[in-house]
Protein backbone atom coordinates (compact mmCIF):
# COMPACT_ATOMS: atom_id res chain seq x y z
CA UNK A 1 112.21 80.17 53.54
CA UNK A 2 110.28 82.23 55.89
CA UNK A 3 107.92 79.20 56.86
CA UNK A 4 110.88 77.59 58.18
CA UNK A 5 112.23 80.59 60.04
CA UNK A 6 109.17 80.68 61.20
CA UNK A 7 108.43 77.26 62.36
CA UNK A 8 112.23 77.48 63.76
CA UNK A 9 110.51 79.93 66.43
CA UNK A 10 108.05 77.70 67.48
CA UNK A 11 109.71 74.86 67.75
CA UNK A 12 112.47 77.20 69.90
CA UNK A 13 109.50 78.54 72.11
CA UNK A 14 107.84 75.11 72.33
CA UNK A 15 111.83 73.70 73.63
CA UNK A 16 111.27 76.68 75.90
CA UNK A 17 108.69 76.30 77.27
CA UNK A 18 109.21 72.18 78.46
CA UNK A 19 112.98 73.48 79.51
CA UNK A 20 110.57 76.19 81.40
CA UNK A 21 108.19 73.82 82.96
CA UNK A 22 110.85 71.19 84.02
CA UNK A 23 113.32 73.75 85.70
CA UNK A 24 110.58 75.33 88.38
CA UNK A 25 112.48 76.90 91.21
CA UNK A 26 113.50 75.21 93.72
CA UNK A 27 113.65 75.52 97.75
CA UNK A 28 116.92 76.91 99.23
CA UNK A 29 118.81 74.48 100.83
CA UNK A 30 118.47 74.11 104.84
CA UNK A 31 121.60 75.21 106.62
CA UNK A 32 121.53 79.19 104.42
CA UNK A 33 121.31 82.80 106.54
CA UNK A 34 120.44 85.68 105.54
CA UNK A 35 120.41 89.07 106.70
CA UNK A 36 116.25 89.14 105.81
CA UNK A 37 113.44 87.75 103.74
CA UNK A 38 111.12 89.02 100.83
CA UNK A 39 108.20 86.93 100.08
CA UNK A 40 106.05 88.15 97.35
CA UNK A 41 102.22 88.18 98.16
CA UNK A 42 99.93 86.27 95.67
CA UNK A 43 100.61 82.84 96.16
CA UNK A 44 99.32 79.95 99.10
CA UNK A 45 101.95 78.54 101.75
CA UNK A 46 104.55 81.92 100.63
CA UNK A 47 103.76 83.88 103.62
CA UNK A 48 103.91 80.80 105.88
CA UNK A 49 106.87 79.81 104.71
CA UNK A 50 108.82 83.01 105.36
CA UNK A 51 107.21 82.98 108.83
CA UNK A 52 108.93 79.48 109.57
CA UNK A 53 112.43 80.57 108.11
CA UNK A 54 112.70 83.35 110.17
CA UNK A 55 111.28 81.59 113.14
CA UNK A 56 114.38 78.79 112.65
CA UNK A 57 116.68 81.91 112.65
CA UNK A 58 117.72 81.84 109.54
CA UNK A 59 116.74 85.57 109.06
CA UNK A 60 116.60 89.05 110.91
CA UNK A 61 113.22 90.24 109.65
CA UNK A 62 110.50 89.65 106.72
CA UNK A 63 108.83 91.81 104.10
CA UNK A 64 105.86 90.85 102.89
CA UNK A 65 106.13 92.78 99.56
CA UNK A 66 102.76 93.10 97.98
CA UNK A 67 100.28 93.43 100.99
CA UNK A 68 96.97 94.81 100.63
CA UNK A 69 97.10 98.24 102.24
CA UNK A 70 93.99 96.87 104.36
CA UNK A 71 96.08 94.07 105.61
CA UNK A 72 97.33 94.44 109.01
CA UNK A 73 99.67 92.92 111.27
CA UNK A 74 96.91 91.49 113.29
CA UNK A 75 95.17 90.00 110.10
CA UNK A 76 98.59 88.21 109.20
CA UNK A 77 98.66 86.95 113.18
CA UNK A 78 95.13 85.45 112.73
CA UNK A 79 95.91 83.83 109.66
CA UNK A 80 98.87 82.07 110.97
CA UNK A 81 96.80 80.89 114.01
CA UNK A 82 99.33 82.98 116.36
CA UNK A 83 103.01 83.86 116.21
CA UNK A 84 101.99 87.38 117.36
CA UNK A 85 105.36 88.23 119.05
CA UNK A 86 107.24 87.26 115.89
CA UNK A 87 104.53 88.86 113.45
CA UNK A 88 105.34 91.96 115.82
CA UNK A 89 108.62 92.32 116.20
CA UNK A 90 109.96 91.20 112.88
CA UNK A 91 107.59 91.53 109.80
CA UNK A 92 106.86 94.78 107.64
CA UNK A 93 103.92 94.69 105.36
CA UNK A 94 104.64 96.28 101.87
CA UNK A 95 101.60 97.91 100.66
CA UNK A 96 103.78 99.97 97.68
CA UNK A 97 104.04 97.07 95.06
CA UNK A 98 101.76 95.87 92.23
CA UNK A 99 103.48 93.48 90.10
CA UNK A 100 107.05 91.96 90.30
CA UNK A 101 108.98 94.53 89.24
CA UNK A 102 107.67 96.58 91.81
CA UNK A 103 108.32 93.95 94.24
CA UNK A 104 112.08 93.82 93.15
CA UNK A 105 112.13 98.04 93.56
CA UNK A 106 109.68 98.24 97.14
CA UNK A 107 112.55 95.36 98.49
CA UNK A 108 115.17 97.40 97.37
CA UNK A 109 114.48 100.35 99.12
CA UNK A 110 113.56 98.17 102.21
CA UNK A 111 117.22 96.67 102.01
CA UNK A 112 118.82 99.93 101.83
CA UNK A 113 117.14 101.36 104.47
CA UNK A 114 118.36 98.10 107.22
CA UNK A 115 121.82 98.54 105.43
CA UNK A 116 121.16 94.69 104.95
CA UNK A 117 123.65 92.44 102.47
CA UNK A 118 121.65 89.59 101.61
CA UNK A 119 118.38 88.49 101.06
CA UNK A 120 116.24 85.12 100.53
CA UNK A 121 113.42 85.80 97.72
CA UNK A 122 110.76 83.64 98.64
CA UNK A 123 107.86 82.96 96.02
CA UNK A 124 106.56 79.91 94.35
CA UNK A 125 108.30 77.64 92.45
CA UNK A 126 106.22 78.54 89.19
CA UNK A 127 107.31 82.32 89.79
CA UNK A 128 110.73 82.18 90.85
CA UNK A 129 112.32 82.47 87.67
CA UNK A 130 110.85 85.35 86.85
CA UNK A 131 110.81 87.07 90.32
CA UNK A 132 114.43 86.70 90.51
CA UNK A 133 115.31 88.04 87.67
CA UNK A 134 113.48 91.26 88.20
CA UNK A 135 115.33 91.06 91.91
CA UNK A 136 118.98 90.70 89.98
CA UNK A 137 117.88 93.50 87.69
CA UNK A 138 117.28 95.99 90.57
CA UNK A 139 119.38 94.59 93.44
CA UNK A 140 122.51 94.20 91.06
CA UNK A 141 125.27 92.84 92.70
CA UNK A 142 124.96 94.98 96.11
CA UNK A 143 123.08 91.59 97.53
CA UNK A 144 123.65 88.36 97.83
CA UNK A 145 120.32 86.87 96.57
CA UNK A 146 119.07 83.47 97.82
CA UNK A 147 115.72 81.85 95.75
CA UNK A 148 113.70 79.84 98.02
CA UNK A 149 110.59 78.46 95.90
CA UNK A 150 107.83 77.14 97.48
CA UNK A 151 106.93 73.64 95.84
CA UNK A 152 103.37 74.01 94.08
CA UNK A 153 101.81 71.52 91.32
CA UNK A 154 100.98 74.28 89.22
CA UNK A 155 98.46 73.53 86.14
CA UNK A 156 99.36 74.29 82.34
CA UNK A 157 97.08 77.47 82.36
CA UNK A 158 99.40 78.75 84.90
CA UNK A 159 102.71 77.86 83.50
CA UNK A 160 101.72 78.74 79.92
CA UNK A 161 100.84 82.51 81.22
CA UNK A 162 104.07 82.55 83.51
CA UNK A 163 106.47 81.40 80.68
CA UNK A 164 105.02 83.89 78.28
CA UNK A 165 105.23 86.66 80.67
CA UNK A 166 108.38 85.64 81.44
CA UNK A 167 109.48 86.42 77.98
CA UNK A 168 107.79 89.25 77.39
CA UNK A 169 109.55 90.87 80.36
CA UNK A 170 112.87 89.76 79.09
CA UNK A 171 111.86 90.82 75.33
CA UNK A 172 110.94 94.63 76.96
CA UNK A 173 114.04 94.46 78.82
CA UNK A 174 116.02 93.46 75.08
CA UNK A 175 114.61 96.36 73.72
CA UNK A 176 114.52 98.62 75.96
CA UNK A 177 110.92 99.11 76.39
């Protein structure tokens, strides 16, 4: 009986992993406009995509959440190959967060301070499920949340690690740890 139960749990885990791997986050629709953009650092193409969306007039301002405290706007301008005017006027560097949960908390304070009502969350496709879960938990229903995933080609190790982080986070919330 115990072996059957454990086999069922293993099967559910594996099916969940497969589902997780084939339903990664997707880019937002082209015509979506929000008050703000929050981009989580840690993956290639995320910040560049956020600046492109800002340049297209799809948001008023960007928070780059999880920035190393030593990074400056000039560093960002050098990385982006210009766009100094856009970065100086409309980009904030947030260095208070150290993980996805604190990214959401930092973003919530930033959004409230500016009285924004909608936000576009930008992160990698493999990270979007856990990031949007944290953001929905922290932001509640106060803000319209638009998910905008940057497409990547994640390997097995990244997907496996992210799937387990997602499951562990949901479990920790469920048991209130």
